[in-house]
Amino acid sequence: MRYYELLVIVKPTLTDEEKSSLVESFLKELFAKNEALIEAIEDKGTRNLAYEIQKHKRGHYFVFYFKAPSSSIAEIERMIRFNEDIIKFITVKYENKKEIAFWETLVAKVKKNSQKESEPKKEEATEEEKTEE
């Protein structure tokens, strides 16, 4: 299993439901079919593009950190090309020990940030309960 990062830019015109279904149903199933293990998914949000792509000046960015056999990358990229909602993508391979260590720190950072995002919601609920009492 090799270490990879996949940056996907989707159309900004998609609704939140369409974006989540693209990630949940299409991309996660695609990785599962090709024996890839997703370690972390980072939602970078909507950003301006450096140049116009398919008449879009903005795009919604998702970064996938995953492990996969090198033979499955070609199939993953081929299937991504068929999806019209994805306007651009790039796959980065991490090879030597230094790069793999950097990949692991990125994954740890994403996981830590996703835990932080879920915790304040719980704290806010407890503060609201305190004010009600």
N, C-alpha and C. Protein backbone atom coordinates (compact mmCIF):
# COMPACT_ATOMS: atom_id res chain seq x y z
N MET A 1 0.85 -1.18 0.00
CA MET A 1 0.00 0.00 0.00
C MET A 1 0.89 1.25 0.00
N ARG A 2 0.56 2.15 -0.87
CA ARG A 2 1.28 3.42 -0.99
C ARG A 2 0.44 4.54 -0.37
N TYR A 3 1.09 5.65 -0.09
CA TYR A 3 0.43 6.79 0.53
C TYR A 3 0.13 7.84 -0.54
N TYR A 4 -1.11 8.33 -0.55
CA TYR A 4 -1.53 9.29 -1.57
C TYR A 4 -2.36 10.41 -0.96
N GLU A 5 -2.42 11.49 -1.72
CA GLU A 5 -3.29 12.63 -1.42
C GLU A 5 -4.00 12.97 -2.72
N LEU A 6 -5.31 13.13 -2.65
CA LEU A 6 -6.09 13.48 -3.83
C LEU A 6 -6.82 14.78 -3.56
N LEU A 7 -6.52 15.80 -4.36
CA LEU A 7 -7.22 17.08 -4.27
C LEU A 7 -8.27 17.09 -5.36
N VAL A 8 -9.52 17.34 -4.97
CA VAL A 8 -10.64 17.35 -5.91
C VAL A 8 -11.31 18.71 -5.83
N ILE A 9 -11.53 19.34 -6.97
CA ILE A 9 -12.26 20.61 -7.03
C ILE A 9 -13.59 20.33 -7.72
N VAL A 10 -14.68 20.60 -7.01
CA VAL A 10 -16.01 20.37 -7.57
C VAL A 10 -16.66 21.70 -7.91
N LYS A 11 -17.68 21.63 -8.72
CA LYS A 11 -18.39 22.84 -9.17
C LYS A 11 -18.95 23.58 -7.96
N PRO A 12 -18.85 24.90 -7.94
CA PRO A 12 -19.37 25.68 -6.81
C PRO A 12 -20.90 25.80 -6.84
N THR A 13 -21.50 25.44 -7.96
CA THR A 13 -22.95 25.56 -8.09
C THR A 13 -23.71 24.42 -7.43
N LEU A 14 -23.00 23.39 -6.97
CA LEU A 14 -23.66 22.27 -6.32
C LEU A 14 -24.17 22.66 -4.94
N THR A 15 -25.30 22.10 -4.56
CA THR A 15 -25.83 22.34 -3.21
C THR A 15 -25.02 21.51 -2.21
N ASP A 16 -25.19 21.80 -0.93
CA ASP A 16 -24.49 21.05 0.11
C ASP A 16 -24.84 19.56 0.06
N GLU A 17 -26.11 19.27 -0.23
CA GLU A 17 -26.55 17.87 -0.33
C GLU A 17 -25.86 17.16 -1.50
N GLU A 18 -25.73 17.85 -2.63
CA GLU A 18 -25.08 17.26 -3.80
C GLU A 18 -23.59 17.04 -3.55
N LYS A 19 -22.97 17.99 -2.85
CA LYS A 19 -21.54 17.83 -2.52
C LYS A 19 -21.34 16.65 -1.58
N SER A 20 -22.18 16.54 -0.57
CA SER A 20 -22.02 15.43 0.38
C SER A 20 -22.31 14.09 -0.29
N SER A 21 -23.29 14.04 -1.20
CA SER A 21 -23.56 12.78 -1.89
C SER A 21 -22.43 12.44 -2.85
N LEU A 22 -21.80 13.44 -3.46
CA LEU A 22 -20.66 13.20 -4.34
C LEU A 22 -19.52 12.58 -3.54
N VAL A 23 -19.26 13.13 -2.35
CA VAL A 23 -18.19 12.60 -1.52
C VAL A 23 -18.57 11.24 -0.94
N GLU A 24 -19.76 11.16 -0.35
CA GLU A 24 -20.17 9.93 0.35
C GLU A 24 -20.44 8.77 -0.61
N SER A 25 -21.26 9.02 -1.62
CA SER A 25 -21.66 7.89 -2.46
C SER A 25 -20.67 7.61 -3.59
N PHE A 26 -20.24 8.65 -4.29
CA PHE A 26 -19.38 8.40 -5.46
C PHE A 26 -17.93 8.14 -5.07
N LEU A 27 -17.30 9.10 -4.39
CA LEU A 27 -15.86 8.99 -4.14
C LEU A 27 -15.51 7.91 -3.12
N LYS A 28 -16.24 7.84 -2.02
CA LYS A 28 -15.94 6.82 -1.01
C LYS A 28 -16.15 5.41 -1.56
N GLU A 29 -17.20 5.23 -2.34
CA GLU A 29 -17.44 3.92 -2.96
C GLU A 29 -16.37 3.60 -4.00
N LEU A 30 -15.92 4.62 -4.71
CA LEU A 30 -14.86 4.43 -5.70
C LEU A 30 -13.57 3.96 -5.02
N PHE A 31 -13.24 4.58 -3.90
CA PHE A 31 -12.06 4.16 -3.15
C PHE A 31 -12.23 2.73 -2.62
N ALA A 32 -13.39 2.42 -2.11
CA ALA A 32 -13.64 1.08 -1.56
C ALA A 32 -13.52 0.00 -2.64
N LYS A 33 -14.07 0.28 -3.82
CA LYS A 33 -14.02 -0.69 -4.92
C LYS A 33 -12.58 -0.96 -5.37
N ASN A 34 -11.72 0.04 -5.21
CA ASN A 34 -10.34 -0.08 -5.67
C ASN A 34 -9.36 -0.34 -4.53
N GLU A 35 -9.87 -0.90 -3.43
CA GLU A 35 -9.05 -1.33 -2.30
C GLU A 35 -8.25 -0.21 -1.65
N ALA A 36 -8.76 1.00 -1.68
CA ALA A 36 -8.08 2.14 -1.05
C ALA A 36 -8.69 2.38 0.33
N LEU A 37 -7.84 2.71 1.27
CA LEU A 37 -8.28 3.00 2.64
C LEU A 37 -8.17 4.50 2.89
N ILE A 38 -9.30 5.15 3.08
CA ILE A 38 -9.30 6.58 3.33
C ILE A 38 -8.94 6.82 4.80
N GLU A 39 -7.88 7.59 5.01
CA GLU A 39 -7.45 7.91 6.38
C GLU A 39 -8.12 9.19 6.87
N ALA A 40 -8.26 10.19 5.99
CA ALA A 40 -8.88 11.45 6.39
C ALA A 40 -9.40 12.18 5.16
N ILE A 41 -10.46 12.97 5.39
CA ILE A 41 -11.03 13.82 4.34
C ILE A 41 -11.10 15.23 4.89
N GLU A 42 -10.55 16.17 4.15
CA GLU A 42 -10.56 17.56 4.58
C GLU A 42 -11.39 18.38 3.60
N ASP A 43 -12.37 19.10 4.14
CA ASP A 43 -13.20 19.99 3.34
C ASP A 43 -12.60 21.39 3.44
N LYS A 44 -11.98 21.85 2.37
CA LYS A 44 -11.31 23.15 2.38
C LYS A 44 -12.25 24.31 2.09
N GLY A 45 -13.45 24.00 1.63
CA GLY A 45 -14.42 25.05 1.35
C GLY A 45 -14.32 25.59 -0.06
N THR A 46 -15.11 26.63 -0.33
CA THR A 46 -15.14 27.25 -1.65
C THR A 46 -14.08 28.34 -1.72
N ARG A 47 -13.31 28.31 -2.78
CA ARG A 47 -12.22 29.27 -2.96
C ARG A 47 -12.19 29.76 -4.40
N ASN A 48 -11.52 30.90 -4.60
CA ASN A 48 -11.31 31.40 -5.96
C ASN A 48 -10.28 30.54 -6.66
N LEU A 49 -10.50 30.30 -7.94
CA LEU A 49 -9.55 29.56 -8.75
C LEU A 49 -8.51 30.52 -9.32
N ALA A 50 -7.33 30.04 -9.60
CA ALA A 50 -6.27 30.87 -10.18
C ALA A 50 -6.65 31.31 -11.59
N TYR A 51 -7.38 30.46 -12.28
CA TYR A 51 -7.85 30.77 -13.62
C TYR A 51 -9.20 30.09 -13.82
N GLU A 52 -9.94 30.57 -14.79
CA GLU A 52 -11.28 30.04 -15.05
C GLU A 52 -11.20 28.63 -15.61
N ILE A 53 -11.99 27.71 -15.03
CA ILE A 53 -12.05 26.32 -15.49
C ILE A 53 -13.51 26.02 -15.81
N GLN A 54 -13.78 25.64 -17.04
CA GLN A 54 -15.14 25.31 -17.48
C GLN A 54 -16.14 26.41 -17.09
N LYS A 55 -15.73 27.66 -17.30
CA LYS A 55 -16.53 28.85 -17.02
C LYS A 55 -16.82 29.06 -15.53
N HIS A 56 -16.03 28.43 -14.65
CA HIS A 56 -16.17 28.61 -13.21
C HIS A 56 -14.98 29.40 -12.69
N LYS A 57 -15.26 30.42 -11.88
CA LYS A 57 -14.18 31.21 -11.28
C LYS A 57 -13.91 30.78 -9.84
N ARG A 58 -14.81 29.97 -9.30
CA ARG A 58 -14.65 29.46 -7.94
C ARG A 58 -14.83 27.94 -7.97
N GLY A 59 -14.37 27.29 -6.92
CA GLY A 59 -14.52 25.85 -6.82
C GLY A 59 -14.51 25.43 -5.36
N HIS A 60 -15.13 24.30 -5.07
CA HIS A 60 -15.16 23.75 -3.71
C HIS A 60 -14.12 22.65 -3.62
N TYR A 61 -13.20 22.79 -2.67
CA TYR A 61 -12.05 21.90 -2.56
C TYR A 61 -12.26 20.82 -1.51
N PHE A 62 -11.90 19.59 -1.86
CA PHE A 62 -11.85 18.47 -0.93
C PHE A 62 -10.48 17.80 -1.07
N VAL A 63 -9.88 17.42 0.06
CA VAL A 63 -8.60 16.71 0.04
C VAL A 63 -8.80 15.36 0.72
N PHE A 64 -8.41 14.29 0.02
CA PHE A 64 -8.51 12.93 0.53
C PHE A 64 -7.10 12.42 0.79
N TYR A 65 -6.87 11.92 1.99
CA TYR A 65 -5.60 11.27 2.33
C TYR A 65 -5.91 9.78 2.42
N PHE A 66 -5.22 8.97 1.61
CA PHE A 66 -5.56 7.55 1.58
C PHE A 66 -4.35 6.69 1.26
N LYS A 67 -4.51 5.40 1.54
CA LYS A 67 -3.51 4.39 1.19
C LYS A 67 -4.16 3.49 0.15
N ALA A 68 -3.37 3.13 -0.87
CA ALA A 68 -3.92 2.28 -1.93
C ALA A 68 -2.80 1.57 -2.66
N PRO A 69 -3.10 0.43 -3.28
CA PRO A 69 -2.11 -0.19 -4.15
C PRO A 69 -1.90 0.69 -5.39
N SER A 70 -0.68 0.74 -5.86
CA SER A 70 -0.38 1.63 -6.99
C SER A 70 -1.16 1.27 -8.25
N SER A 71 -1.59 0.03 -8.37
CA SER A 71 -2.34 -0.39 -9.56
C SER A 71 -3.75 0.19 -9.60
N SER A 72 -4.28 0.62 -8.47
CA SER A 72 -5.66 1.12 -8.45
C SER A 72 -5.77 2.62 -8.74
N ILE A 73 -4.68 3.34 -8.74
CA ILE A 73 -4.72 4.79 -8.95
C ILE A 73 -5.22 5.14 -10.35
N ALA A 74 -4.78 4.42 -11.35
CA ALA A 74 -5.21 4.69 -12.72
C ALA A 74 -6.73 4.53 -12.86
N GLU A 75 -7.29 3.53 -12.22
CA GLU A 75 -8.74 3.31 -12.29
C GLU A 75 -9.49 4.41 -11.53
N ILE A 76 -8.99 4.82 -10.39
CA ILE A 76 -9.63 5.90 -9.62
C ILE A 76 -9.64 7.18 -10.45
N GLU A 77 -8.51 7.53 -11.04
CA GLU A 77 -8.45 8.74 -11.86
C GLU A 77 -9.33 8.64 -13.10
N ARG A 78 -9.40 7.47 -13.69
CA ARG A 78 -10.25 7.29 -14.87
C ARG A 78 -11.72 7.52 -14.54
N MET A 79 -12.16 7.00 -13.41
CA MET A 79 -13.56 7.17 -13.00
C MET A 79 -13.86 8.61 -12.60
N ILE A 80 -12.90 9.30 -12.01
CA ILE A 80 -13.10 10.70 -11.63
C ILE A 80 -13.28 11.56 -12.88
N ARG A 81 -12.56 11.23 -13.95
CA ARG A 81 -12.68 11.99 -15.21
C ARG A 81 -14.09 11.93 -15.79
N PHE A 82 -14.82 10.85 -15.54
CA PHE A 82 -16.17 10.70 -16.06
C PHE A 82 -17.20 11.56 -15.34
N ASN A 83 -16.90 11.97 -14.12
CA ASN A 83 -17.85 12.73 -13.32
C ASN A 83 -17.83 14.21 -13.74
N GLU A 84 -18.96 14.72 -14.18
CA GLU A 84 -19.03 16.10 -14.68
C GLU A 84 -19.03 17.14 -13.56
N ASP A 85 -19.31 16.73 -12.33
CA ASP A 85 -19.32 17.67 -11.21
C ASP A 85 -17.93 18.00 -10.71
N ILE A 86 -16.94 17.18 -11.07
CA ILE A 86 -15.55 17.42 -10.68
C ILE A 86 -14.88 18.16 -11.82
N ILE A 87 -14.41 19.39 -11.54
CA ILE A 87 -13.83 20.20 -12.61
C ILE A 87 -12.31 20.06 -12.68
N LYS A 88 -11.66 19.62 -11.60
CA LYS A 88 -10.21 19.45 -11.61
C LYS A 88 -9.81 18.53 -10.47
N PHE A 89 -8.73 17.78 -10.65
CA PHE A 89 -8.21 16.94 -9.57
C PHE A 89 -6.73 16.70 -9.79
N ILE A 90 -6.05 16.35 -8.72
CA ILE A 90 -4.64 15.99 -8.80
C ILE A 90 -4.34 14.96 -7.71
N THR A 91 -3.54 13.96 -8.07
CA THR A 91 -3.14 12.93 -7.13
C THR A 91 -1.65 13.09 -6.85
N VAL A 92 -1.31 13.09 -5.56
CA VAL A 92 0.09 13.22 -5.14
C VAL A 92 0.49 11.94 -4.43
N LYS A 93 1.64 11.40 -4.83
CA LYS A 93 2.14 10.16 -4.22
C LYS A 93 3.28 10.51 -3.26
N TYR A 94 3.23 9.96 -2.05
CA TYR A 94 4.28 10.15 -1.06
C TYR A 94 5.13 8.89 -1.04
N GLU A 95 6.44 9.03 -1.33
CA GLU A 95 7.27 7.84 -1.52
C GLU A 95 8.28 7.58 -0.41
N ASN A 96 9.19 8.52 -0.15
CA ASN A 96 10.26 8.22 0.80
C ASN A 96 9.79 8.45 2.25
N LYS A 97 10.65 8.08 3.19
CA LYS A 97 10.28 8.13 4.62
C LYS A 97 9.91 9.53 5.07
N LYS A 98 10.64 10.52 4.59
CA LYS A 98 10.37 11.90 4.98
C LYS A 98 9.00 12.35 4.49
N GLU A 99 8.67 12.02 3.26
CA GLU A 99 7.36 12.38 2.70
C GLU A 99 6.24 11.65 3.42
N ILE A 100 6.45 10.37 3.74
CA ILE A 100 5.43 9.60 4.44
C ILE A 100 5.20 10.16 5.84
N ALA A 101 6.27 10.59 6.51
CA ALA A 101 6.14 11.21 7.82
C ALA A 101 5.33 12.50 7.72
N PHE A 102 5.56 13.28 6.66
CA PHE A 102 4.78 14.50 6.44
C PHE A 102 3.31 14.18 6.19
N TRP A 103 3.06 13.13 5.40
CA TRP A 103 1.69 12.68 5.13
C TRP A 103 0.98 12.32 6.44
N GLU A 104 1.69 11.61 7.31
CA GLU A 104 1.09 11.21 8.59
C GLU A 104 0.79 12.42 9.48
N THR A 105 1.64 13.45 9.44
CA THR A 105 1.34 14.67 10.22
C THR A 105 0.14 15.40 9.65
N LEU A 106 0.00 15.40 8.32
CA LEU A 106 -1.18 16.02 7.70
C LEU A 106 -2.46 15.31 8.11
N VAL A 107 -2.42 13.98 8.10
CA VAL A 107 -3.59 13.19 8.49
C VAL A 107 -3.94 13.45 9.96
N ALA A 108 -2.93 13.49 10.82
CA ALA A 108 -3.16 13.74 12.24
C ALA A 108 -3.77 15.13 12.45
N LYS A 109 -3.28 16.11 11.70
CA LYS A 109 -3.80 17.47 11.79
C LYS A 109 -5.27 17.55 11.38
N VAL A 110 -5.60 16.86 10.27
CA VAL A 110 -6.99 16.85 9.78
C VAL A 110 -7.91 16.19 10.81
N LYS A 111 -7.47 15.07 11.36
CA LYS A 111 -8.28 14.37 12.36
C LYS A 111 -8.47 15.22 13.61
N LYS A 112 -7.41 15.91 14.02
CA LYS A 112 -7.48 16.78 15.20
C LYS A 112 -8.45 17.94 14.96
N ASN A 113 -8.38 18.55 13.77
CA ASN A 113 -9.27 19.65 13.44
C ASN A 113 -10.72 19.21 13.35
N SER A 114 -10.96 18.01 12.83
CA SER A 114 -12.34 17.52 12.73
C SER A 114 -12.91 17.23 14.10
N GLN A 115 -12.07 16.80 15.05
CA GLN A 115 -12.54 16.58 16.42
C GLN A 115 -12.84 17.91 17.10
N LYS A 116 -12.02 18.93 16.84
CA LYS A 116 -12.24 20.25 17.44
C LYS A 116 -13.55 20.86 16.95
N GLU A 117 -13.87 20.64 15.67
CA GLU A 117 -15.09 21.19 15.11
C GLU A 117 -16.33 20.56 15.73
N SER A 118 -16.24 19.30 16.10
CA SER A 118 -17.40 18.63 16.69
C SER A 118 -17.54 18.94 18.18
N GLU A 119 -16.45 19.27 18.86
CA GLU A 119 -16.50 19.55 20.30
C GLU A 119 -17.22 20.85 20.66
N PRO A 120 -16.98 21.98 19.97
CA PRO A 120 -17.66 23.22 20.38
C PRO A 120 -19.18 23.12 20.37
N LYS A 121 -19.72 22.31 19.49
CA LYS A 121 -21.17 22.14 19.44
C LYS A 121 -21.67 21.58 20.76
N LYS A 122 -20.93 20.65 21.33
CA LYS A 122 -21.31 20.07 22.62
C LYS A 122 -21.18 21.10 23.72
N GLU A 123 -20.12 21.92 23.68
CA GLU A 123 -19.92 22.95 24.69
C GLU A 123 -21.01 24.02 24.61
N GLU A 124 -21.39 24.39 23.39
CA GLU A 124 -22.44 25.38 23.22
C GLU A 124 -23.75 24.88 23.80
N ALA A 125 -24.03 23.62 23.63
CA ALA A 125 -25.26 23.05 24.17
C ALA A 125 -25.24 23.10 25.68
N THR A 126 -24.10 22.84 26.29
CA THR A 126 -24.03 22.88 27.76
C THR A 126 -24.16 24.30 28.27
N GLU A 127 -23.63 25.29 27.53
CA GLU A 127 -23.79 26.69 27.93
C GLU A 127 -25.25 27.11 27.84
N GLU A 128 -25.94 26.65 26.81
CA GLU A 128 -27.36 26.97 26.67
C GLU A 128 -28.16 26.35 27.80
N GLU A 129 -27.81 25.14 28.20
CA GLU A 129 -28.49 24.50 29.30
C GLU A 129 -28.28 25.27 30.59
N LYS A 130 -27.09 25.84 30.78
CA LYS A 130 -26.79 26.59 31.99
C LYS A 130 -27.63 27.87 32.06
N THR A 131 -27.81 28.53 30.92
CA THR A 131 -28.58 29.76 30.91
C THR A 131 -30.07 29.49 31.14
N GLU A 132 -30.54 28.31 30.74
CA GLU A 132 -31.93 27.95 30.94
C GLU A 132 -32.23 27.70 32.41
N GLU A 133 -31.22 27.23 33.15
CA GLU A 133 -31.41 26.91 34.58
C GLU A 133 -31.45 28.17 35.33
